[in-house]
N, C-alpha and C. Protein backbone atom coordinates (compact mmCIF):
# COMPACT_ATOMS: atom_id res chain seq x y z
N MET A 1 14.87 14.01 54.44
CA MET A 1 14.49 12.85 55.23
C MET A 1 15.37 11.67 54.82
N LYS A 2 15.66 10.84 55.79
CA LYS A 2 16.48 9.65 55.53
C LYS A 2 15.63 8.41 55.78
N ALA A 3 15.78 7.44 54.91
CA ALA A 3 15.13 6.14 55.09
C ALA A 3 16.21 5.11 55.34
N LYS A 4 16.02 4.30 56.37
CA LYS A 4 16.93 3.19 56.68
C LYS A 4 16.16 1.91 56.41
N VAL A 5 16.64 1.13 55.44
CA VAL A 5 15.94 -0.07 54.99
C VAL A 5 16.75 -1.31 55.40
N TYR A 6 16.08 -2.26 56.03
CA TYR A 6 16.70 -3.50 56.47
C TYR A 6 16.04 -4.66 55.72
N ILE A 7 16.83 -5.45 55.03
CA ILE A 7 16.33 -6.55 54.22
C ILE A 7 16.97 -7.85 54.70
N THR A 8 16.15 -8.86 54.97
CA THR A 8 16.66 -10.16 55.42
C THR A 8 15.93 -11.28 54.70
N PRO A 9 16.55 -12.45 54.61
CA PRO A 9 15.85 -13.58 54.01
C PRO A 9 14.62 -13.94 54.86
N LYS A 10 13.56 -14.36 54.21
CA LYS A 10 12.36 -14.78 54.92
C LYS A 10 12.66 -16.03 55.74
N ALA A 11 11.89 -16.22 56.79
CA ALA A 11 12.01 -17.45 57.59
C ALA A 11 11.76 -18.64 56.68
N GLY A 12 12.57 -19.66 56.81
CA GLY A 12 12.42 -20.85 55.97
C GLY A 12 13.24 -20.81 54.70
N ILE A 13 13.79 -19.65 54.35
CA ILE A 13 14.65 -19.53 53.17
C ILE A 13 16.09 -19.79 53.61
N LEU A 14 16.78 -20.66 52.91
CA LEU A 14 18.16 -20.98 53.23
C LEU A 14 19.03 -19.73 53.20
N ASP A 15 19.83 -19.54 54.22
CA ASP A 15 20.75 -18.40 54.32
C ASP A 15 22.17 -18.94 54.49
N PRO A 16 22.87 -19.24 53.38
CA PRO A 16 24.20 -19.85 53.49
C PRO A 16 25.21 -18.96 54.21
N GLN A 17 25.13 -17.65 54.03
CA GLN A 17 26.06 -16.77 54.74
C GLN A 17 25.81 -16.81 56.23
N GLY A 18 24.55 -16.77 56.63
CA GLY A 18 24.22 -16.85 58.05
C GLY A 18 24.67 -18.16 58.65
N LEU A 19 24.47 -19.25 57.92
CA LEU A 19 24.87 -20.57 58.40
C LEU A 19 26.39 -20.65 58.57
N THR A 20 27.14 -20.10 57.64
CA THR A 20 28.61 -20.09 57.73
C THR A 20 29.07 -19.31 58.96
N ILE A 21 28.46 -18.17 59.19
CA ILE A 21 28.82 -17.37 60.36
C ILE A 21 28.46 -18.12 61.64
N GLU A 22 27.26 -18.69 61.68
CA GLU A 22 26.82 -19.43 62.86
C GLU A 22 27.76 -20.58 63.19
N ARG A 23 28.23 -21.30 62.17
CA ARG A 23 29.14 -22.42 62.38
C ARG A 23 30.55 -21.97 62.77
N SER A 24 30.93 -20.75 62.38
CA SER A 24 32.28 -20.25 62.65
C SER A 24 32.42 -19.59 64.02
N LEU A 25 31.36 -19.07 64.57
CA LEU A 25 31.44 -18.33 65.84
C LEU A 25 31.97 -19.16 67.00
N PRO A 26 31.59 -20.43 67.17
CA PRO A 26 32.15 -21.20 68.29
C PRO A 26 33.67 -21.32 68.24
N ALA A 27 34.25 -21.39 67.06
CA ALA A 27 35.71 -21.47 66.93
C ALA A 27 36.38 -20.19 67.42
N LEU A 28 35.61 -19.11 67.47
CA LEU A 28 36.15 -17.83 67.95
C LEU A 28 35.78 -17.57 69.41
N GLY A 29 35.16 -18.58 70.04
CA GLY A 29 34.83 -18.47 71.45
C GLY A 29 33.43 -17.94 71.74
N PHE A 30 32.59 -17.82 70.73
CA PHE A 30 31.23 -17.32 70.92
C PHE A 30 30.25 -18.50 70.86
N GLU A 31 29.94 -19.04 72.02
CA GLU A 31 29.06 -20.21 72.11
C GLU A 31 27.60 -19.79 72.25
N GLY A 32 26.70 -20.64 71.80
CA GLY A 32 25.28 -20.43 72.02
C GLY A 32 24.60 -19.49 71.04
N VAL A 33 25.29 -19.03 70.04
CA VAL A 33 24.67 -18.14 69.05
C VAL A 33 23.95 -19.01 68.03
N SER A 34 22.70 -18.65 67.71
CA SER A 34 21.94 -19.45 66.76
C SER A 34 21.07 -18.54 65.89
N ASN A 35 20.54 -19.15 64.85
CA ASN A 35 19.62 -18.47 63.93
C ASN A 35 20.20 -17.18 63.37
N VAL A 36 21.43 -17.26 62.88
CA VAL A 36 22.09 -16.09 62.29
C VAL A 36 21.52 -15.86 60.89
N ARG A 37 21.09 -14.64 60.62
CA ARG A 37 20.55 -14.26 59.31
C ARG A 37 21.37 -13.08 58.81
N VAL A 38 21.82 -13.14 57.59
CA VAL A 38 22.59 -12.06 56.98
C VAL A 38 21.70 -11.34 55.99
N GLY A 39 21.69 -10.04 56.06
CA GLY A 39 20.83 -9.26 55.18
C GLY A 39 21.56 -8.07 54.59
N LYS A 40 20.76 -7.11 54.15
CA LYS A 40 21.29 -5.90 53.54
C LYS A 40 20.75 -4.69 54.31
N TYR A 41 21.55 -3.64 54.33
CA TYR A 41 21.15 -2.37 54.91
C TYR A 41 21.32 -1.32 53.84
N ILE A 42 20.27 -0.57 53.58
CA ILE A 42 20.31 0.47 52.54
C ILE A 42 19.84 1.77 53.17
N GLU A 43 20.58 2.84 52.92
CA GLU A 43 20.21 4.16 53.42
C GLU A 43 19.91 5.06 52.24
N LEU A 44 18.80 5.77 52.30
CA LEU A 44 18.36 6.63 51.21
C LEU A 44 18.06 8.03 51.73
N GLU A 45 18.43 9.04 50.98
CA GLU A 45 18.00 10.41 51.25
C GLU A 45 16.86 10.70 50.30
N LEU A 46 15.76 11.23 50.83
CA LEU A 46 14.63 11.55 49.98
C LEU A 46 13.94 12.81 50.48
N PRO A 47 13.13 13.43 49.62
CA PRO A 47 12.47 14.66 50.03
C PRO A 47 11.50 14.41 51.19
N ASP A 48 11.40 15.41 52.07
CA ASP A 48 10.43 15.33 53.16
C ASP A 48 9.02 15.34 52.57
N GLY A 49 8.11 14.73 53.26
CA GLY A 49 6.73 14.74 52.82
C GLY A 49 5.97 13.56 53.34
N GLU A 50 4.67 13.66 53.29
CA GLU A 50 3.81 12.60 53.81
C GLU A 50 3.90 11.33 52.97
N ALA A 51 4.28 11.45 51.70
CA ALA A 51 4.33 10.29 50.82
C ALA A 51 5.65 9.52 50.91
N ALA A 52 6.57 9.95 51.77
CA ALA A 52 7.89 9.32 51.83
C ALA A 52 7.79 7.85 52.19
N GLY A 53 6.98 7.50 53.18
CA GLY A 53 6.85 6.10 53.59
C GLY A 53 6.30 5.23 52.48
N ALA A 54 5.28 5.72 51.80
CA ALA A 54 4.70 4.96 50.69
C ALA A 54 5.71 4.80 49.56
N ALA A 55 6.52 5.83 49.33
CA ALA A 55 7.53 5.76 48.26
C ALA A 55 8.59 4.71 48.59
N VAL A 56 9.06 4.69 49.83
CA VAL A 56 10.07 3.72 50.23
C VAL A 56 9.50 2.30 50.16
N ASP A 57 8.26 2.13 50.60
CA ASP A 57 7.62 0.81 50.52
C ASP A 57 7.55 0.35 49.06
N GLU A 58 7.20 1.24 48.17
CA GLU A 58 7.13 0.87 46.75
C GLU A 58 8.51 0.56 46.18
N MET A 59 9.53 1.33 46.59
CA MET A 59 10.91 1.05 46.15
C MET A 59 11.34 -0.34 46.57
N CYS A 60 10.99 -0.71 47.81
CA CYS A 60 11.36 -2.03 48.32
C CYS A 60 10.68 -3.13 47.52
N HIS A 61 9.39 -2.97 47.24
CA HIS A 61 8.66 -3.98 46.48
C HIS A 61 9.13 -4.10 45.04
N LYS A 62 9.53 -2.98 44.44
CA LYS A 62 9.87 -2.99 43.01
C LYS A 62 11.35 -3.22 42.72
N LEU A 63 12.25 -2.87 43.67
CA LEU A 63 13.67 -2.92 43.34
C LEU A 63 14.58 -3.38 44.47
N LEU A 64 14.42 -2.80 45.65
CA LEU A 64 15.41 -3.01 46.70
C LEU A 64 15.38 -4.41 47.31
N ALA A 65 14.20 -5.00 47.40
CA ALA A 65 14.06 -6.34 47.98
C ALA A 65 13.33 -7.25 47.01
N ASN A 66 13.54 -8.54 47.19
CA ASN A 66 12.77 -9.52 46.43
C ASN A 66 11.70 -10.04 47.38
N PRO A 67 10.47 -9.53 47.27
CA PRO A 67 9.44 -9.89 48.25
C PRO A 67 9.08 -11.37 48.29
N ILE A 68 9.51 -12.13 47.31
CA ILE A 68 9.23 -13.57 47.32
C ILE A 68 10.11 -14.28 48.34
N ILE A 69 11.36 -13.86 48.48
CA ILE A 69 12.29 -14.55 49.37
C ILE A 69 12.85 -13.66 50.48
N GLU A 70 12.53 -12.37 50.47
CA GLU A 70 13.08 -11.45 51.47
C GLU A 70 11.98 -10.67 52.18
N ASP A 71 12.22 -10.41 53.46
CA ASP A 71 11.39 -9.50 54.23
C ASP A 71 12.14 -8.17 54.31
N PHE A 72 11.39 -7.11 54.46
CA PHE A 72 12.04 -5.82 54.65
C PHE A 72 11.25 -5.00 55.65
N GLU A 73 11.96 -4.10 56.26
CA GLU A 73 11.35 -3.09 57.12
C GLU A 73 12.18 -1.84 56.97
N PHE A 74 11.57 -0.72 57.25
CA PHE A 74 12.31 0.53 57.13
C PHE A 74 11.84 1.50 58.19
N GLU A 75 12.71 2.47 58.43
CA GLU A 75 12.35 3.56 59.33
C GLU A 75 12.70 4.87 58.64
N LEU A 76 11.89 5.87 58.90
CA LEU A 76 12.12 7.20 58.35
C LEU A 76 12.66 8.08 59.46
N VAL A 77 13.75 8.78 59.16
CA VAL A 77 14.40 9.63 60.14
C VAL A 77 14.38 11.07 59.62
N PRO A 78 13.78 11.99 60.34
CA PRO A 78 13.75 13.38 59.89
C PRO A 78 15.15 13.96 59.80
N GLY A 79 15.27 14.95 58.95
CA GLY A 79 16.55 15.67 58.87
C GLY A 79 17.23 15.38 57.64
């Protein structure tokens, strides 16, 4: 089984990378883009089983994300 984990800064947390991208896009001809947030994408291979979702959630809380300043979501993909 594969887990795809998406981590982004929480709303209200300063995102300097997102702000830099947002300010740079108009110079490249991309107008009207706003609220750019830069995050992390992590892909994990793990054993199949009913506990996979709980295991990934625990990994995110303990290591992969900082739950104080980051939100995370994940999806489990069979195979």
